[in-house]
Amino acid sequence: MSVHPAIVTEPAAITPEWMTSVLRCAGHEVTVCALAGEPVGTGQMAHNERYRITYTGDALGAPDSVVMKFPSPNDQSRAAGAQGGYRSEVRFYTELRSGLSISTPECLYGSVSEDSTVFTLVLEDLAPAHQGDQLAGVDDDQVILAAANLAGLHAPRWDDPGLDDIDWLESSGAGAISFVGLFTPVFIERYRHRLSEQARMVFETFGANVTRWVEAESPVHTLVHGDYRLDNLMFATSEGGAPVTVVDWQTLGHGAGGRDLAYLLGNSTEPRHRRRHESEAIGAYLTAMRQLGVDLSTNEAMRQYRHGMFQGPLITMLGSIAVGRTDRGDDMFMAMAERSAAQIIDHDALDLISG
């Protein structure tokens, strides 16, 4: 993949000439004569645009449209992404994606500045697939598909010591102790009027015991998405599309795979729905892992799953405090807080970290 075209940080700066250069570097000998862009998605740390492309002459095999990602126009969100999220996403697509079997969009171009403050990605347009909705939830079958899809991320690099040699890839527990201790009282105070007593208790207990949680994680690490939830998944529609495809790799790290699985199931639907499909989804994940060569026992998977439930409070607090506030964002974070707290209570997971 060539990275010769310059990084562009604003949708208005994309020109037919720039897109022509990108597509030619990606192997399409075409000339773009016009572009039409429109915002898509609900990103917290980045801004997404779909560009419909008009060509001059023959464009056989070239895309009719692409989706581009830019730094967020919100200063607070942009600063959060510049802490490593922008770098992680670009380098996932340009360095790691090809060695995995998880379904992700094709990357036509990706580049990030040396200081990680700005980036540009040009990705395959996954339409007619549609984005999941964290607030609305999804059908049981879609959650089960998403759980099985995780194996394509976890299995290829399962217990791989080479992960420690990737200098830009952080442990998913890195920094958790310091920022959870800092963010917990801020989060509780900001949302006190919206949090249930149960959720407040769970978050405060986690904040007081985060060191124990980090120290108790399984030493068997793999790649973890870190924010594997509905807003970052694309699902097929009646018009077509892959069954499930994963986007938004800004929270990529390495850690115990149970974090992703617990976070997906704990945050995707209301607790009564999660209880209905939870066992089947975990079974689908285990089956897919074994098909990809990782003989993960049910007992070990459940141990990691139970421990990984605190990924919900972790990302809920990090996301809500670090990025710019929106009404939908607040609604989403409150849904995540209540759902993850219910999951933790259902599985007595507080016992893992409480003294």
Protein backbone atom coordinates (compact mmCIF):
# COMPACT_ATOMS: atom_id res chain seq x y z
CA MET A 1 0.00 0.00 0.00
CA SER A 2 1.38 3.40 -0.97
CA VAL A 3 1.18 6.33 1.43
CA HIS A 4 2.47 8.93 -1.04
CA PRO A 5 -0.67 11.10 -1.18
CA ALA A 6 -0.62 13.73 1.55
CA ILE A 7 -2.64 13.44 4.74
CA VAL A 8 -5.84 15.48 4.45
CA THR A 9 -7.54 16.50 7.69
CA GLU A 10 -10.81 18.05 6.49
CA PRO A 11 -13.51 16.71 4.13
CA ALA A 12 -13.64 19.98 2.20
CA ALA A 13 -9.99 19.56 1.19
CA ILE A 14 -10.56 16.29 -0.69
CA THR A 15 -10.20 16.88 -4.44
CA PRO A 16 -10.65 14.66 -7.50
CA GLU A 17 -6.90 14.87 -8.05
CA TRP A 18 -6.14 13.63 -4.55
CA MET A 19 -8.61 10.76 -4.86
CA THR A 20 -7.17 9.86 -8.26
CA SER A 21 -3.72 9.57 -6.67
CA VAL A 22 -5.04 7.39 -3.85
CA LEU A 23 -6.87 5.02 -6.17
CA ARG A 24 -3.92 4.71 -8.52
CA CYS A 25 -1.63 3.85 -5.61
CA ALA A 26 -4.18 1.19 -4.65
CA GLY A 27 -3.93 -0.37 -8.12
CA HIS A 28 -6.82 1.30 -9.98
CA GLU A 29 -5.68 3.07 -13.15
CA VAL A 30 -8.47 5.64 -13.15
CA THR A 31 -9.10 9.36 -13.26
CA VAL A 32 -11.61 10.91 -10.88
CA CYS A 33 -13.50 13.91 -12.24
CA ALA A 34 -16.00 14.61 -9.45
CA LEU A 35 -16.74 13.75 -5.82
CA ALA A 36 -19.87 14.13 -3.68
CA GLY A 37 -19.42 13.78 0.08
CA GLU A 38 -21.84 13.34 2.98
CA PRO A 39 -21.30 12.61 6.69
CA VAL A 40 -21.95 9.04 7.89
CA GLY A 41 -21.74 7.22 11.21
CA THR A 42 -21.68 8.28 14.85
CA GLY A 43 -17.95 8.42 15.61
CA GLN A 44 -16.77 9.84 18.95
CA MET A 45 -13.09 10.55 18.16
CA ALA A 46 -13.21 10.84 14.38
CA HIS A 47 -15.41 12.12 11.57
CA ASN A 48 -16.57 9.87 8.71
CA GLU A 49 -17.64 10.88 5.20
CA ARG A 50 -18.94 8.83 2.30
CA TYR A 51 -17.69 10.01 -1.11
CA ARG A 52 -19.50 9.02 -4.27
CA ILE A 53 -17.03 8.98 -7.14
CA THR A 54 -17.45 9.96 -10.79
CA TYR A 55 -14.74 8.87 -13.22
CA THR A 56 -13.53 10.03 -16.59
CA GLY A 57 -13.53 7.10 -18.98
CA ASP A 58 -13.25 3.43 -18.05
CA ALA A 59 -13.28 2.64 -14.32
CA LEU A 60 -13.84 -1.11 -14.39
CA GLY A 61 -13.20 -2.58 -10.93
CA ALA A 62 -12.81 0.77 -9.19
CA PRO A 63 -15.16 1.61 -6.30
CA ASP A 64 -18.27 3.70 -6.88
CA SER A 65 -17.88 5.12 -3.40
CA VAL A 66 -15.53 5.05 -0.41
CA VAL A 67 -15.75 6.00 3.25
CA MET A 68 -13.08 8.29 4.65
CA LYS A 69 -12.09 8.93 8.25
CA PHE A 70 -10.67 12.24 9.47
CA PRO A 71 -9.74 13.66 12.88
CA SER A 72 -12.76 14.87 14.83
CA PRO A 73 -13.71 18.54 14.36
CA ASN A 74 -14.30 18.68 18.14
CA ASP A 75 -11.12 19.85 19.88
CA GLN A 76 -11.58 17.62 22.94
CA SER A 77 -12.32 14.52 20.88
CA ARG A 78 -9.45 15.29 18.53
CA ALA A 79 -7.05 15.60 21.45
CA ALA A 80 -8.23 12.24 22.79
CA GLY A 81 -7.65 10.55 19.43
CA ALA A 82 -4.18 12.07 19.21
CA GLN A 83 -3.17 10.19 22.38
CA GLY A 84 -2.67 7.08 20.27
CA GLY A 85 -6.07 6.16 18.85
CA TYR A 86 -5.44 7.67 15.41
CA ARG A 87 -2.07 5.92 15.18
CA SER A 88 -3.50 2.58 16.29
CA GLU A 89 -6.28 2.58 13.73
CA VAL A 90 -4.10 3.49 10.77
CA ARG A 91 -1.41 0.98 11.69
CA PHE A 92 -3.99 -1.74 12.28
CA TYR A 93 -5.13 -1.39 8.69
CA THR A 94 -1.68 -0.96 7.18
CA GLU A 95 0.29 -3.49 9.29
CA LEU A 96 -1.95 -6.04 11.05
CA ARG A 97 -5.20 -6.49 9.12
CA SER A 98 -3.79 -8.79 6.44
CA GLY A 99 -2.77 -11.42 9.01
CA LEU A 100 -6.22 -11.75 10.55
CA SER A 101 -9.47 -13.43 9.52
CA ILE A 102 -11.88 -11.04 11.22
CA SER A 103 -14.15 -9.23 8.76
CA THR A 104 -13.04 -5.60 8.28
CA PRO A 105 -13.31 -3.14 5.38
CA GLU A 106 -10.56 -3.05 2.77
CA CYS A 107 -8.20 -0.13 3.31
CA LEU A 108 -7.27 1.78 0.16
CA TYR A 109 -5.11 4.38 1.90
CA GLY A 110 -3.95 5.07 5.42
CA SER A 111 -1.48 7.56 6.82
CA VAL A 112 -0.87 9.20 10.19
CA SER A 113 1.47 12.03 11.15
CA GLU A 114 4.61 11.30 13.15
CA ASP A 115 3.13 12.99 16.22
CA SER A 116 -0.16 11.02 15.78
CA THR A 117 -2.27 14.20 15.80
CA VAL A 118 -3.70 13.91 12.28
CA PHE A 119 -4.52 11.04 9.94
CA THR A 120 -6.50 10.04 6.88
CA LEU A 121 -8.09 6.69 6.01
CA VAL A 122 -9.83 5.69 2.80
CA LEU A 123 -11.89 2.55 3.35
CA GLU A 124 -14.18 0.28 1.43
CA ASP A 125 -17.79 1.47 1.54
CA LEU A 126 -19.70 -1.35 3.24
CA ALA A 127 -23.14 -0.23 1.99
CA PRO A 128 -25.78 -1.65 1.82
CA ALA A 129 -24.74 -3.01 5.23
CA HIS A 130 -25.94 -0.80 8.07
CA GLN A 131 -24.34 0.35 11.29
CA GLY A 132 -25.44 -1.21 14.55
CA ASP A 133 -27.16 1.02 17.09
CA GLN A 134 -25.90 0.90 20.66
CA LEU A 135 -29.14 2.34 22.01
CA ALA A 136 -31.61 0.29 19.96
CA GLY A 137 -29.80 -3.04 20.31
CA VAL A 138 -29.91 -5.88 17.79
CA ASP A 139 -31.44 -9.31 17.29
CA ASP A 140 -30.02 -12.29 19.17
CA ASP A 141 -28.72 -13.78 15.92
CA GLN A 142 -26.68 -10.67 15.17
CA VAL A 143 -25.03 -10.67 18.59
CA ILE A 144 -24.15 -14.35 18.14
CA LEU A 145 -22.63 -13.61 14.71
CA ALA A 146 -20.60 -10.77 16.20
CA ALA A 147 -19.32 -13.04 18.99
CA ALA A 148 -18.18 -15.70 16.50
CA ASN A 149 -16.54 -13.01 14.35
CA LEU A 150 -14.30 -12.05 17.29
CA ALA A 151 -12.43 -15.33 16.91
CA GLY A 152 -10.97 -14.00 13.66
CA LEU A 153 -9.22 -11.29 15.68
CA HIS A 154 -8.24 -13.33 18.73
CA ALA A 155 -7.18 -16.71 17.34
CA PRO A 156 -4.43 -15.68 14.85
CA ARG A 157 -2.36 -13.90 17.53
CA TRP A 158 -3.41 -15.97 20.56
CA ASP A 159 -0.66 -16.09 23.22
CA ASP A 160 1.75 -14.55 20.71
CA PRO A 161 4.89 -13.15 22.41
CA GLY A 162 5.49 -11.05 19.31
CA LEU A 163 2.74 -8.68 20.44
CA ASP A 164 5.16 -7.26 23.00
CA ASP A 165 7.52 -6.30 20.17
CA ILE A 166 5.00 -4.03 18.42
CA ASP A 167 6.14 -0.71 19.87
CA TRP A 168 2.96 1.22 19.10
CA LEU A 169 0.59 -1.46 20.46
CA GLU A 170 -0.13 -0.95 24.15
CA SER A 171 -1.41 -3.42 26.70
CA SER A 172 -5.14 -2.84 27.07
CA GLY A 173 -4.52 -2.39 30.80
CA ALA A 174 -1.88 0.29 30.30
CA GLY A 175 -2.91 3.46 32.06
CA ALA A 176 -6.12 1.94 33.45
CA ILE A 177 -5.08 2.29 37.08
CA SER A 178 -4.29 5.99 36.82
CA PHE A 179 -7.17 7.16 34.67
CA VAL A 180 -9.86 5.02 36.32
CA GLY A 181 -8.84 6.46 39.67
CA LEU A 182 -9.00 9.95 38.20
CA PHE A 183 -12.17 9.56 36.12
CA THR A 184 -14.43 7.61 38.48
CA PRO A 185 -15.41 10.51 40.78
CA VAL A 186 -15.78 12.82 37.77
CA PHE A 187 -18.05 10.31 36.01
CA ILE A 188 -20.17 9.67 39.11
CA GLU A 189 -20.63 13.38 39.76
CA ARG A 190 -21.47 14.22 36.14
CA TYR A 191 -24.09 11.50 35.76
CA ARG A 192 -25.28 11.09 39.34
CA HIS A 193 -28.84 12.14 38.43
CA ARG A 194 -29.03 9.47 35.72
CA LEU A 195 -27.23 6.49 37.28
CA SER A 196 -29.10 3.80 39.17
CA GLU A 197 -27.89 2.95 42.66
CA GLN A 198 -26.66 -0.41 41.31
CA ALA A 199 -24.58 1.16 38.55
CA ARG A 200 -23.14 3.79 40.88
CA MET A 201 -22.10 1.07 43.34
CA VAL A 202 -20.48 -1.06 40.64
CA PHE A 203 -18.53 1.86 39.17
CA GLU A 204 -17.33 3.06 42.57
CA THR A 205 -16.25 -0.46 43.54
CA PHE A 206 -14.36 -0.82 40.27
CA GLY A 207 -12.69 2.55 40.75
CA ALA A 208 -11.52 1.57 44.22
CA ASN A 209 -10.21 -1.84 43.09
CA VAL A 210 -8.93 -1.29 39.55
CA THR A 211 -5.38 -2.28 40.55
CA ARG A 212 -6.59 -5.72 41.59
CA TRP A 213 -8.48 -6.05 38.32
CA VAL A 214 -5.42 -5.27 36.21
CA GLU A 215 -3.22 -7.62 38.23
CA ALA A 216 -5.75 -10.49 37.98
CA GLU A 217 -5.92 -10.50 34.18
CA SER A 218 -4.97 -13.68 32.35
CA PRO A 219 -1.34 -13.66 31.11
CA VAL A 220 -2.54 -15.20 27.83
CA HIS A 221 -2.80 -12.16 25.59
CA THR A 222 -4.03 -11.59 22.09
CA LEU A 223 -5.12 -8.63 19.99
CA VAL A 224 -8.17 -6.96 21.48
CA HIS A 225 -10.38 -4.43 19.76
CA GLY A 226 -11.17 -2.72 23.06
CA ASP A 227 -14.46 -1.11 21.95
CA TYR A 228 -16.21 -4.03 20.27
CA ARG A 229 -19.81 -2.79 20.43
CA LEU A 230 -22.74 -2.22 18.09
CA ASP A 231 -21.85 1.29 16.92
CA ASN A 232 -18.58 -0.18 15.62
CA LEU A 233 -20.18 -3.09 13.76
CA MET A 234 -21.83 -3.18 10.34
CA PHE A 235 -24.55 -5.75 9.63
CA ALA A 236 -25.99 -7.12 6.39
CA THR A 237 -29.36 -5.89 5.19
CA SER A 238 -31.90 -7.43 2.81
CA GLU A 239 -30.04 -5.59 0.02
CA GLY A 240 -26.74 -7.31 0.83
CA GLY A 241 -23.48 -6.84 2.69
CA ALA A 242 -21.30 -9.11 4.81
CA PRO A 243 -23.05 -10.68 7.85
CA VAL A 244 -20.97 -8.58 10.24
CA THR A 245 -17.95 -6.32 9.69
CA VAL A 246 -15.86 -4.47 12.29
CA VAL A 247 -14.80 -0.83 12.05
CA ASP A 248 -13.16 1.74 14.37
CA TRP A 249 -9.84 0.33 15.60
CA GLN A 250 -8.74 3.31 17.70
CA THR A 251 -8.78 1.35 20.96
CA LEU A 252 -6.74 -1.59 19.66
CA GLY A 253 -4.38 -3.16 22.17
CA HIS A 254 -3.30 -6.53 23.51
CA GLY A 255 -4.85 -8.23 26.50
CA ALA A 256 -7.15 -11.08 27.47
CA GLY A 257 -9.69 -11.88 24.76
CA GLY A 258 -12.48 -12.14 27.32
CA ARG A 259 -12.55 -8.34 27.48
CA ASP A 260 -13.95 -8.04 23.95
CA LEU A 261 -16.45 -10.85 24.39
CA ALA A 262 -17.78 -9.59 27.72
CA TYR A 263 -17.94 -6.01 26.46
CA LEU A 264 -19.91 -7.03 23.37
CA LEU A 265 -22.47 -9.08 25.26
CA GLY A 266 -22.75 -6.78 28.24
CA ASN A 267 -23.32 -3.60 26.24
CA SER A 268 -25.22 -4.60 23.11
CA THR A 269 -28.70 -5.21 24.47
CA GLU A 270 -30.86 -4.81 27.53
CA PRO A 271 -29.98 -7.29 30.32
CA ARG A 272 -33.07 -9.44 29.76
CA HIS A 273 -32.06 -9.90 26.13
CA ARG A 274 -28.42 -10.56 27.01
CA ARG A 275 -29.46 -13.30 29.43
CA ARG A 276 -31.41 -14.96 26.62
CA HIS A 277 -28.55 -15.23 24.12
CA GLU A 278 -25.46 -15.10 26.38
CA SER A 279 -24.68 -18.82 26.54
CA GLU A 280 -25.24 -19.37 22.83
CA ALA A 281 -23.02 -16.42 21.92
CA ILE A 282 -20.18 -17.66 24.13
CA GLY A 283 -20.56 -21.11 22.59
CA ALA A 284 -20.38 -19.64 19.08
CA TYR A 285 -17.17 -17.81 20.02
CA LEU A 286 -15.60 -20.99 21.43
CA THR A 287 -16.57 -23.01 18.36
CA ALA A 288 -15.06 -20.41 16.04
CA MET A 289 -11.86 -20.26 18.12
CA ARG A 290 -11.46 -24.02 17.89
CA GLN A 291 -12.07 -23.94 14.14
CA LEU A 292 -9.18 -21.48 13.92
CA GLY A 293 -6.87 -23.70 15.95
CA VAL A 294 -7.22 -22.40 19.51
CA ASP A 295 -8.50 -25.07 21.90
CA LEU A 296 -9.83 -22.71 24.55
CA SER A 297 -11.63 -24.56 27.33
CA THR A 298 -15.07 -23.47 28.46
CA ASN A 299 -13.79 -22.95 31.99
CA GLU A 300 -10.95 -20.68 30.90
CA ALA A 301 -13.22 -18.78 28.51
CA MET A 302 -15.71 -18.15 31.29
CA ARG A 303 -12.96 -17.05 33.66
CA GLN A 304 -11.74 -14.50 31.10
CA TYR A 305 -15.31 -13.52 30.28
CA ARG A 306 -16.17 -12.80 33.91
CA HIS A 307 -12.96 -10.83 34.47
CA GLY A 308 -13.45 -8.97 31.18
CA MET A 309 -16.83 -7.57 32.23
CA PHE A 310 -15.08 -4.55 33.74
CA GLN A 311 -14.12 -3.46 30.22
CA GLY A 312 -17.64 -2.00 30.21
CA PRO A 313 -17.11 0.47 33.07
CA LEU A 314 -13.56 1.13 31.85
CA ILE A 315 -14.53 2.25 28.34
CA THR A 316 -17.74 3.92 29.48
CA MET A 317 -15.82 6.23 31.79
CA LEU A 318 -12.92 6.77 29.41
CA GLY A 319 -15.18 7.57 26.46
CA SER A 320 -17.60 9.81 28.31
CA ILE A 321 -14.93 11.95 29.95
CA ALA A 322 -12.30 12.04 27.19
CA VAL A 323 -14.43 13.04 24.20
CA GLY A 324 -16.74 15.98 23.52
CA ARG A 325 -20.25 15.61 24.95
CA THR A 326 -23.35 15.09 22.80
CA ASP A 327 -26.92 14.19 23.75
CA ARG A 328 -26.67 10.86 21.96
CA GLY A 329 -23.29 10.22 23.52
CA ASP A 330 -24.67 10.76 27.02
CA ASP A 331 -27.62 8.46 26.31
CA MET A 332 -25.26 5.82 24.95
CA PHE A 333 -22.89 5.98 27.91
CA MET A 334 -25.77 5.68 30.36
CA ALA A 335 -27.09 2.61 28.53
CA MET A 336 -23.60 1.10 28.62
CA ALA A 337 -23.22 1.87 32.33
CA GLU A 338 -26.50 0.24 33.31
CA ARG A 339 -26.07 -2.80 31.06
CA SER A 340 -22.50 -3.52 32.10
CA ALA A 341 -23.36 -3.09 35.78
CA ALA A 342 -26.22 -5.60 35.43
CA GLN A 343 -23.88 -8.09 33.73
CA ILE A 344 -21.32 -7.73 36.53
CA ILE A 345 -23.98 -8.26 39.19
CA ASP A 346 -25.50 -11.26 37.35
CA HIS A 347 -22.13 -13.02 37.35
CA ASP A 348 -20.95 -11.92 40.81
CA ALA A 349 -17.90 -10.43 39.12
CA LEU A 350 -17.34 -7.90 41.92
CA ASP A 351 -16.07 -10.86 43.96
CA LEU A 352 -13.03 -10.97 41.64
CA ILE A 353 -11.81 -7.52 42.65
CA SER A 354 -13.26 -6.79 46.07
CA GLY A 355 -11.25 -7.45 49.20
